[in-house]
């Protein structure tokens, strides 16, 4: 849910999940080391390896939050650290 709300921002104009913006993920497995990107049940219509990276660069809200500059690409280190701390405290 954190990934959905904080990074994917998949909501439409009325606050509903816009299913056209996010790939379907089968969350059936929960063992340590499992990655939904490697699961054969999750055949994405997008490149799962780079999708979130590209979304951050295309989505203005995420870009402002995490990208310091584009040429060369530099991340806002404090924003990355803050987000990581947020995840650890959940």
PDB file of N, CA and C in Angstrom:
ATOM      1  N   UNK A   1       0.829  -1.187   0.000  1.00  0.00           N
ATOM      2  CA  UNK A   1       0.000   0.000   0.000  1.00  0.00           C
ATOM      3  C   UNK A   1       0.875   1.253   0.000  1.00  0.00           C
ATOM      4  N   UNK A   2       1.999   1.211   0.737  1.00  0.00           N
ATOM      5  CA  UNK A   2       2.914   2.356   0.759  1.00  0.00           C
ATOM      6  C   UNK A   2       3.440   2.628  -0.633  1.00  0.00           C
ATOM      7  N   UNK A   3       3.842   1.567  -1.333  1.00  0.00           N
ATOM      8  CA  UNK A   3       4.338   1.725  -2.702  1.00  0.00           C
ATOM      9  C   UNK A   3       3.267   2.355  -3.579  1.00  0.00           C
ATOM     10  N   UNK A   4       2.037   1.900  -3.445  1.00  0.00           N
ATOM     11  CA  UNK A   4       0.937   2.445  -4.250  1.00  0.00           C
ATOM     12  C   UNK A   4       0.736   3.932  -3.963  1.00  0.00           C
ATOM     13  N   UNK A   5       0.657   4.280  -2.699  1.00  0.00           N
ATOM     14  CA  UNK A   5       0.330   5.666  -2.329  1.00  0.00           C
ATOM     15  C   UNK A   5       1.482   6.635  -2.557  1.00  0.00           C
ATOM     16  N   UNK A   6       2.689   6.215  -2.201  1.00  0.00           N
ATOM     17  CA  UNK A   6       3.820   7.136  -2.241  1.00  0.00           C
ATOM     18  C   UNK A   6       4.524   7.234  -3.583  1.00  0.00           C
ATOM     19  N   UNK A   7       4.634   6.137  -4.292  1.00  0.00           N
ATOM     20  CA  UNK A   7       5.438   6.145  -5.513  1.00  0.00           C
ATOM     21  C   UNK A   7       4.641   5.991  -6.792  1.00  0.00           C
ATOM     22  N   UNK A   8       3.650   5.148  -6.779  1.00  0.00           N
ATOM     23  CA  UNK A   8       2.918   4.919  -8.018  1.00  0.00           C
ATOM     24  C   UNK A   8       1.886   5.989  -8.299  1.00  0.00           C
ATOM     25  N   UNK A   9       1.360   6.607  -7.273  1.00  0.00           N
ATOM     26  CA  UNK A   9       0.335   7.634  -7.408  1.00  0.00           C
ATOM     27  C   UNK A   9      -0.685   7.225  -8.468  1.00  0.00           C
ATOM     28  N   UNK A  10      -1.372   6.104  -8.239  1.00  0.00           N
ATOM     29  CA  UNK A  10      -2.277   5.576  -9.258  1.00  0.00           C
ATOM     30  C   UNK A  10      -3.708   6.074  -9.146  1.00  0.00           C
ATOM     31  N   UNK A  11      -3.917   7.241  -8.583  1.00  0.00           N
ATOM     32  CA  UNK A  11      -5.276   7.705  -8.366  1.00  0.00           C
ATOM     33  C   UNK A  11      -5.761   8.590  -9.502  1.00  0.00           C
ATOM     34  N   UNK A  12      -7.034   8.457  -9.810  1.00  0.00           N
ATOM     35  CA  UNK A  12      -7.628   9.305 -10.838  1.00  0.00           C
ATOM     36  C   UNK A  12      -8.145  10.599 -10.202  1.00  0.00           C
ATOM     37  N   UNK A  13      -8.900  11.362 -10.936  1.00  0.00           N
ATOM     38  CA  UNK A  13      -9.367  12.668 -10.470  1.00  0.00           C
ATOM     39  C   UNK A  13     -10.274  12.614  -9.248  1.00  0.00           C
ATOM     40  N   UNK A  14     -10.913  11.465  -9.013  1.00  0.00           N
ATOM     41  CA  UNK A  14     -11.814  11.367  -7.864  1.00  0.00           C
ATOM     42  C   UNK A  14     -11.236  10.505  -6.748  1.00  0.00           C
ATOM     43  N   UNK A  15      -9.931  10.223  -6.802  1.00  0.00           N
ATOM     44  CA  UNK A  15      -9.258   9.495  -5.742  1.00  0.00           C
ATOM     45  C   UNK A  15      -9.358   7.984  -5.816  1.00  0.00           C
ATOM     46  N   UNK A  16      -9.781   7.462  -6.943  1.00  0.00           N
ATOM     47  CA  UNK A  16      -9.870   6.016  -7.130  1.00  0.00           C
ATOM     48  C   UNK A  16      -8.606   5.510  -7.829  1.00  0.00           C
ATOM     49  N   UNK A  17      -8.279   4.244  -7.611  1.00  0.00           N
ATOM     50  CA  UNK A  17      -7.111   3.663  -8.285  1.00  0.00           C
ATOM     51  C   UNK A  17      -7.368   3.617  -9.780  1.00  0.00           C
ATOM     52  N   UNK A  18      -6.463   4.192 -10.532  1.00  0.00           N
ATOM     53  CA  UNK A  18      -6.541   4.188 -11.986  1.00  0.00           C
ATOM     54  C   UNK A  18      -5.781   2.958 -12.468  1.00  0.00           C
ATOM     55  N   UNK A  19      -6.501   1.889 -12.709  1.00  0.00           N
ATOM     56  CA  UNK A  19      -5.874   0.610 -13.052  1.00  0.00           C
ATOM     57  C   UNK A  19      -5.077   0.669 -14.349  1.00  0.00           C
ATOM     58  N   UNK A  20      -5.332   1.642 -15.189  1.00  0.00           N
ATOM     59  CA  UNK A  20      -4.582   1.774 -16.423  1.00  0.00           C
ATOM     60  C   UNK A  20      -3.172   2.294 -16.215  1.00  0.00           C
ATOM     61  N   UNK A  21      -2.873   2.832 -15.033  1.00  0.00           N
ATOM     62  CA  UNK A  21      -1.551   3.397 -14.766  1.00  0.00           C
ATOM     63  C   UNK A  21      -0.592   2.423 -14.105  1.00  0.00           C
ATOM     64  N   UNK A  22      -1.114   1.367 -13.493  1.00  0.00           N
ATOM     65  CA  UNK A  22      -0.239   0.440 -12.776  1.00  0.00           C
ATOM     66  C   UNK A  22      -0.417  -0.982 -13.307  1.00  0.00           C
ATOM     67  N   UNK A  23       0.684  -1.718 -13.433  1.00  0.00           N
ATOM     68  CA  UNK A  23       0.563  -3.103 -13.892  1.00  0.00           C
ATOM     69  C   UNK A  23      -0.029  -3.980 -12.791  1.00  0.00           C
ATOM     70  N   UNK A  24      -0.757  -5.032 -13.180  1.00  0.00           N
ATOM     71  CA  UNK A  24      -1.301  -5.980 -12.216  1.00  0.00           C
ATOM     72  C   UNK A  24      -0.166  -6.785 -11.600  1.00  0.00           C
ATOM     73  N   UNK A  25      -0.214  -6.995 -10.294  1.00  0.00           N
ATOM     74  CA  UNK A  25       0.795  -7.785  -9.592  1.00  0.00           C
ATOM     75  C   UNK A  25       0.088  -8.871  -8.793  1.00  0.00           C
ATOM     76  N   UNK A  26       0.533 -10.122  -8.940  1.00  0.00           N
ATOM     77  CA  UNK A  26       0.025 -11.226  -8.136  1.00  0.00           C
ATOM     78  C   UNK A  26       0.905 -11.325  -6.894  1.00  0.00           C
ATOM     79  N   UNK A  27       0.344 -10.962  -5.743  1.00  0.00           N
ATOM     80  CA  UNK A  27       1.098 -10.927  -4.487  1.00  0.00           C
ATOM     81  C   UNK A  27       0.971 -12.244  -3.720  1.00  0.00           C
ATOM     82  N   UNK A  28       0.768 -13.357  -4.408  1.00  0.00           N
ATOM     83  CA  UNK A  28       0.490 -14.628  -3.756  1.00  0.00           C
ATOM     84  C   UNK A  28       1.649 -15.148  -2.912  1.00  0.00           C
ATOM     85  N   UNK A  29       2.862 -14.828  -3.226  1.00  0.00           N
ATOM     86  CA  UNK A  29       4.035 -15.360  -2.530  1.00  0.00           C
ATOM     87  C   UNK A  29       4.539 -14.357  -1.495  1.00  0.00           C
ATOM     88  N   UNK A  30       5.018 -14.869  -0.357  1.00  0.00           N
ATOM     89  CA  UNK A  30       5.516 -13.956   0.678  1.00  0.00           C
ATOM     90  C   UNK A  30       6.844 -14.397   1.284  1.00  0.00           C
ATOM     91  N   UNK A  31       7.504 -15.389   0.689  1.00  0.00           N
ATOM     92  CA  UNK A  31       8.761 -15.860   1.275  1.00  0.00           C
ATOM     93  C   UNK A  31       9.882 -14.845   1.051  1.00  0.00           C
ATOM     94  N   UNK A  32      10.838 -14.852   1.962  1.00  0.00           N
ATOM     95  CA  UNK A  32      11.977 -13.944   1.905  1.00  0.00           C
ATOM     96  C   UNK A  32      12.769 -14.188   0.631  1.00  0.00           C
ATOM     97  N   UNK A  33      13.118 -13.120  -0.058  1.00  0.00           N
ATOM     98  CA  UNK A  33      13.898 -13.216  -1.280  1.00  0.00           C
ATOM     99  C   UNK A  33      13.077 -13.294  -2.548  1.00  0.00           C
ATOM    100  N   UNK A  34      11.767 -13.520  -2.405  1.00  0.00           N
ATOM    101  CA  UNK A  34      10.895 -13.586  -3.571  1.00  0.00           C
ATOM    102  C   UNK A  34      10.671 -12.188  -4.126  1.00  0.00           C
ATOM    103  N   UNK A  35      10.686 -12.067  -5.429  1.00  0.00           N
ATOM    104  CA  UNK A  35      10.417 -10.795  -6.085  1.00  0.00           C
ATOM    105  C   UNK A  35       9.271 -10.962  -7.066  1.00  0.00           C
ATOM    106  N   UNK A  36       8.285 -10.096  -6.945  1.00  0.00           N
ATOM    107  CA  UNK A  36       7.159 -10.163  -7.881  1.00  0.00           C
ATOM    108  C   UNK A  36       7.613  -9.921  -9.314  1.00  0.00           C
ATOM    109  N   UNK A  37       8.767  -9.281  -9.498  1.00  0.00           N
ATOM    110  CA  UNK A  37       9.275  -9.040 -10.850  1.00  0.00           C
ATOM    111  C   UNK A  37       9.729 -10.329 -11.533  1.00  0.00           C
ATOM    112  N   UNK A  38      10.145 -11.309 -10.727  1.00  0.00           N
ATOM    113  CA  UNK A  38      10.645 -12.571 -11.282  1.00  0.00           C
ATOM    114  C   UNK A  38       9.576 -13.645 -11.398  1.00  0.00           C
ATOM    115  N   UNK A  39       8.410 -13.417 -10.823  1.00  0.00           N
ATOM    116  CA  UNK A  39       7.348 -14.410 -10.823  1.00  0.00           C
ATOM    117  C   UNK A  39       6.728 -14.521 -12.213  1.00  0.00           C
ATOM    118  N   UNK A  40       6.645 -15.742 -12.740  1.00  0.00           N
ATOM    119  CA  UNK A  40       6.117 -15.928 -14.100  1.00  0.00           C
ATOM    120  C   UNK A  40       4.630 -15.592 -14.204  1.00  0.00           C
ATOM    121  N   UNK A  41       3.917 -15.550 -13.068  1.00  0.00           N
ATOM    122  CA  UNK A  41       2.504 -15.188 -13.091  1.00  0.00           C
ATOM    123  C   UNK A  41       2.302 -13.698 -13.363  1.00  0.00           C
ATOM    124  N   UNK A  42       3.332 -12.918 -13.141  1.00  0.00           N
ATOM    125  CA  UNK A  42       3.255 -11.476 -13.352  1.00  0.00           C
ATOM    126  C   UNK A  42       3.868 -11.116 -14.697  1.00  0.00           C
ATOM    127  N   UNK A  43       3.127 -11.312 -15.727  1.00  0.00           N
ATOM    128  CA  UNK A  43       3.583 -10.955 -17.075  1.00  0.00           C
ATOM    129  C   UNK A  43       3.105  -9.538 -17.350  1.00  0.00           C
ATOM    130  N   UNK A  44       3.992  -8.595 -17.149  1.00  0.00           N
ATOM    131  CA  UNK A  44       3.635  -7.185 -17.279  1.00  0.00           C
ATOM    132  C   UNK A  44       3.579  -6.740 -18.734  1.00  0.00           C
ATOM    133  N   UNK A  45       2.740  -5.772 -18.973  1.00  0.00           N
ATOM    134  CA  UNK A  45       2.710  -5.139 -20.282  1.00  0.00           C
ATOM    135  C   UNK A  45       3.756  -4.023 -20.326  1.00  0.00           C
ATOM    136  N   UNK A  46       4.502  -3.902 -19.238  1.00  0.00           N
ATOM    137  CA  UNK A  46       5.569  -2.897 -19.135  1.00  0.00           C
ATOM    138  C   UNK A  46       6.853  -3.605 -18.721  1.00  0.00           C
ATOM    139  N   UNK A  47       7.988  -2.930 -18.862  1.00  0.00           N
ATOM    140  CA  UNK A  47       9.268  -3.470 -18.419  1.00  0.00           C
ATOM    141  C   UNK A  47       9.339  -3.319 -16.903  1.00  0.00           C
ATOM    142  N   UNK A  48       9.104  -4.403 -16.173  1.00  0.00           N
ATOM    143  CA  UNK A  48       9.068  -4.355 -14.714  1.00  0.00           C
ATOM    144  C   UNK A  48      10.365  -3.893 -14.079  1.00  0.00           C
ATOM    145  N   UNK A  49      11.471  -4.112 -14.757  1.00  0.00           N
ATOM    146  CA  UNK A  49      12.758  -3.709 -14.204  1.00  0.00           C
ATOM    147  C   UNK A  49      12.910  -2.189 -14.164  1.00  0.00           C
ATOM    148  N   UNK A  50      12.422  -1.502 -15.177  1.00  0.00           N
ATOM    149  CA  UNK A  50      12.621  -0.055 -15.298  1.00  0.00           C
ATOM    150  C   UNK A  50      11.361   0.776 -15.139  1.00  0.00           C
ATOM    151  N   UNK A  51      10.211   0.143 -14.948  1.00  0.00           N
ATOM    152  CA  UNK A  51       8.949   0.862 -14.942  1.00  0.00           C
ATOM    153  C   UNK A  51       8.890   1.960 -13.877  1.00  0.00           C
ATOM    154  N   UNK A  52       9.245   1.636 -12.641  1.00  0.00           N
ATOM    155  CA  UNK A  52       9.152   2.627 -11.577  1.00  0.00           C
ATOM    156  C   UNK A  52      10.160   3.755 -11.786  1.00  0.00           C
ATOM    157  N   UNK A  53      11.357   3.425 -12.207  1.00  0.00           N
ATOM    158  CA  UNK A  53      12.376   4.431 -12.509  1.00  0.00           C
ATOM    159  C   UNK A  53      11.856   5.411 -13.559  1.00  0.00           C
ATOM    160  N   UNK A  54      11.304   4.871 -14.636  1.00  0.00           N
ATOM    161  CA  UNK A  54      10.775   5.726 -15.704  1.00  0.00           C
ATOM    162  C   UNK A  54       9.578   6.533 -15.228  1.00  0.00           C
ATOM    163  N   UNK A  55       8.761   5.948 -14.368  1.00  0.00           N
ATOM    164  CA  UNK A  55       7.589   6.663 -13.838  1.00  0.00           C
ATOM    165  C   UNK A  55       8.029   7.858 -13.003  1.00  0.00           C
ATOM    166  N   UNK A  56       9.050   7.688 -12.189  1.00  0.00           N
ATOM    167  CA  UNK A  56       9.548   8.799 -11.372  1.00  0.00           C
ATOM    168  C   UNK A  56      10.021   9.934 -12.267  1.00  0.00           C
ATOM    169  N   UNK A  57      10.663   9.610 -13.367  1.00  0.00           N
ATOM    170  CA  UNK A  57      11.162  10.650 -14.263  1.00  0.00           C
ATOM    171  C   UNK A  57      10.055  11.312 -15.083  1.00  0.00           C
ATOM    172  N   UNK A  58       8.926  10.622 -15.291  1.00  0.00           N
ATOM    173  CA  UNK A  58       7.820  11.180 -16.082  1.00  0.00           C
ATOM    174  C   UNK A  58       6.747  11.857 -15.243  1.00  0.00           C
ATOM    175  N   UNK A  59       6.537  11.393 -14.015  1.00  0.00           N
ATOM    176  CA  UNK A  59       5.481  11.922 -13.154  1.00  0.00           C
ATOM    177  C   UNK A  59       5.991  13.184 -12.456  1.00  0.00           C
ATOM    178  N   UNK A  60       5.421  14.360 -12.769  1.00  0.00           N
ATOM    179  CA  UNK A  60       5.935  15.618 -12.218  1.00  0.00           C
ATOM    180  C   UNK A  60       6.041  15.651 -10.697  1.00  0.00           C
ATOM    181  N   UNK A  61       5.062  15.097  -9.989  1.00  0.00           N
ATOM    182  CA  UNK A  61       5.098  15.109  -8.525  1.00  0.00           C
ATOM    183  C   UNK A  61       6.275  14.301  -7.997  1.00  0.00           C
ATOM    184  N   UNK A  62       6.486  13.124  -8.557  1.00  0.00           N
ATOM    185  CA  UNK A  62       7.596  12.283  -8.129  1.00  0.00           C
ATOM    186  C   UNK A  62       8.934  12.883  -8.541  1.00  0.00           C
ATOM    187  N   UNK A  63       8.981  13.449  -9.727  1.00  0.00           N
ATOM    188  CA  UNK A  63      10.219  14.051 -10.217  1.00  0.00           C
ATOM    189  C   UNK A  63      10.658  15.201  -9.310  1.00  0.00           C
ATOM    190  N   UNK A  64       9.711  16.059  -8.938  1.00  0.00           N
ATOM    191  CA  UNK A  64      10.044  17.160  -8.029  1.00  0.00           C
ATOM    192  C   UNK A  64      10.528  16.638  -6.687  1.00  0.00           C
ATOM    193  N   UNK A  65       9.932  15.552  -6.231  1.00  0.00           N
ATOM    194  CA  UNK A  65      10.268  15.003  -4.917  1.00  0.00           C
ATOM    195  C   UNK A  65      11.639  14.331  -4.890  1.00  0.00           C
ATOM    196  N   UNK A  66      11.988  13.568  -5.934  1.00  0.00           N
ATOM    197  CA  UNK A  66      13.182  12.732  -5.883  1.00  0.00           C
ATOM    198  C   UNK A  66      14.331  13.136  -6.798  1.00  0.00           C
ATOM    199  N   UNK A  67      14.097  13.987  -7.797  1.00  0.00           N
ATOM    200  CA  UNK A  67      15.155  14.318  -8.756  1.00  0.00           C
ATOM    201  C   UNK A  67      15.654  15.744  -8.510  1.00  0.00           C
ATOM    202  N   UNK A  68      16.955  15.857  -8.331  1.00  0.00           N
ATOM    203  CA  UNK A  68      17.579  17.164  -8.125  1.00  0.00           C
ATOM    204  C   UNK A  68      17.877  17.829  -9.459  1.00  0.00           C
ATOM    205  N   UNK A  69      18.437  17.059 -10.401  1.00  0.00           N
ATOM    206  CA  UNK A  69      18.716  17.598 -11.733  1.00  0.00           C
ATOM    207  C   UNK A  69      18.687  16.463 -12.749  1.00  0.00           C
ATOM    208  N   UNK A  70      18.451  16.836 -14.003  1.00  0.00           N
ATOM    209  CA  UNK A  70      18.370  15.831 -15.067  1.00  0.00           C
ATOM    210  C   UNK A  70      19.668  15.696 -15.855  1.00  0.00           C
ATOM    211  N   UNK A  71      20.439  16.739 -15.938  1.00  0.00           N
ATOM    212  CA  UNK A  71      21.675  16.724 -16.732  1.00  0.00           C
ATOM    213  C   UNK A  71      22.865  17.129 -15.884  1.00  0.00           C
ATOM    214  N   UNK A  72      23.615  16.221 -15.353  1.00  0.00           N
ATOM    215  CA  UNK A  72      23.398  14.786 -15.315  1.00  0.00           C
ATOM    216  C   UNK A  72      22.326  14.451 -14.269  1.00  0.00           C
ATOM    217  N   UNK A  73      21.777  13.254 -14.374  1.00  0.00           N
ATOM    218  CA  UNK A  73      20.740  12.824 -13.443  1.00  0.00           C
ATOM    219  C   UNK A  73      21.314  12.746 -12.032  1.00  0.00           C
ATOM    220  N   UNK A  74      20.721  13.516 -11.130  1.00  0.00           N
ATOM    221  CA  UNK A  74      21.125  13.493  -9.725  1.00  0.00           C
ATOM    222  C   UNK A  74      19.878  13.385  -8.870  1.00  0.00           C
ATOM    223  N   UNK A  75      19.924  12.473  -7.912  1.00  0.00           N
ATOM    224  CA  UNK A  75      18.790  12.250  -7.011  1.00  0.00           C
ATOM    225  C   UNK A  75      18.881  13.167  -5.801  1.00  0.00           C
ATOM    226  N   UNK A  76      17.749  13.529  -5.251  1.00  0.00           N
ATOM    227  CA  UNK A  76      17.710  14.273  -3.996  1.00  0.00           C
ATOM    228  C   UNK A  76      17.988  13.263  -2.888  1.00  0.00           C
ATOM    229  N   UNK A  77      19.218  13.242  -2.427  1.00  0.00           N
ATOM    230  CA  UNK A  77      19.641  12.237  -1.449  1.00  0.00           C
ATOM    231  C   UNK A  77      18.821  12.311  -0.157  1.00  0.00           C
ATOM    232  N   UNK A  78      18.503  13.514   0.286  1.00  0.00           N
ATOM    233  CA  UNK A  78      17.730  13.652   1.529  1.00  0.00           C
ATOM    234  C   UNK A  78      16.324  13.070   1.362  1.00  0.00           C
ATOM    235  N   UNK A  79      15.735  13.218   0.168  1.00  0.00           N
ATOM    236  CA  UNK A  79      14.394  12.673  -0.083  1.00  0.00           C
ATOM    237  C   UNK A  79      14.438  11.150  -0.114  1.00  0.00           C
ATOM    238  N   UNK A  80      15.477  10.591  -0.712  1.00  0.00           N
ATOM    239  CA  UNK A  80      15.631   9.140  -0.752  1.00  0.00           C
ATOM    240  C   UNK A  80      15.816   8.592   0.666  1.00  0.00           C
ATOM    241  N   UNK A  81      16.659   9.264   1.445  1.00  0.00           N
ATOM    242  CA  UNK A  81      16.918   8.826   2.818  1.00  0.00           C
ATOM    243  C   UNK A  81      15.635   8.926   3.658  1.00  0.00           C
ATOM    244  N   UNK A  82      14.916  10.010   3.498  1.00  0.00           N
ATOM    245  CA  UNK A  82      13.670  10.214   4.231  1.00  0.00           C
ATOM    246  C   UNK A  82      12.650   9.126   3.873  1.00  0.00           C
ATOM    247  N   UNK A  83      12.536   8.795   2.604  1.00  0.00           N
ATOM    248  CA  UNK A  83      11.606   7.761   2.183  1.00  0.00           C
ATOM    249  C   UNK A  83      12.017   6.400   2.737  1.00  0.00           C
ATOM    250  N   UNK A  84      13.304   6.104   2.703  1.00  0.00           N
ATOM    251  CA  UNK A  84      13.795   4.838   3.238  1.00  0.00           C
ATOM    252  C   UNK A  84      13.492   4.739   4.731  1.00  0.00           C
ATOM    253  N   UNK A  85      13.716   5.814   5.478  1.00  0.00           N
ATOM    254  CA  UNK A  85      13.410   5.817   6.911  1.00  0.00           C
ATOM    255  C   UNK A  85      11.920   5.610   7.152  1.00  0.00           C
ATOM    256  N   UNK A  86      11.103   6.196   6.311  1.00  0.00           N
ATOM    257  CA  UNK A  86       9.659   6.021   6.415  1.00  0.00           C
ATOM    258  C   UNK A  86       9.286   4.538   6.259  1.00  0.00           C
ATOM    259  N   UNK A  87       9.884   3.863   5.295  1.00  0.00           N
ATOM    260  CA  UNK A  87       9.615   2.440   5.082  1.00  0.00           C
ATOM    261  C   UNK A  87      10.076   1.588   6.257  1.00  0.00           C
ATOM    262  N   UNK A  88      11.218   1.916   6.838  1.00  0.00           N
ATOM    263  CA  UNK A  88      11.772   1.144   7.956  1.00  0.00           C
ATOM    264  C   UNK A  88      10.849   1.250   9.166  1.00  0.00           C
ATOM    265  N   UNK A  89      10.226   2.401   9.353  1.00  0.00           N
ATOM    266  CA  UNK A  89       9.389   2.625  10.547  1.00  0.00           C
ATOM    267  C   UNK A  89       7.978   2.077  10.412  1.00  0.00           C
ATOM    268  N   UNK A  90       7.616   1.530   9.263  1.00  0.00           N
ATOM    269  CA  UNK A  90       6.262   0.983   9.091  1.00  0.00           C
ATOM    270  C   UNK A  90       6.087  -0.323   9.821  1.00  0.00           C
TER     271      UNK A  90
END
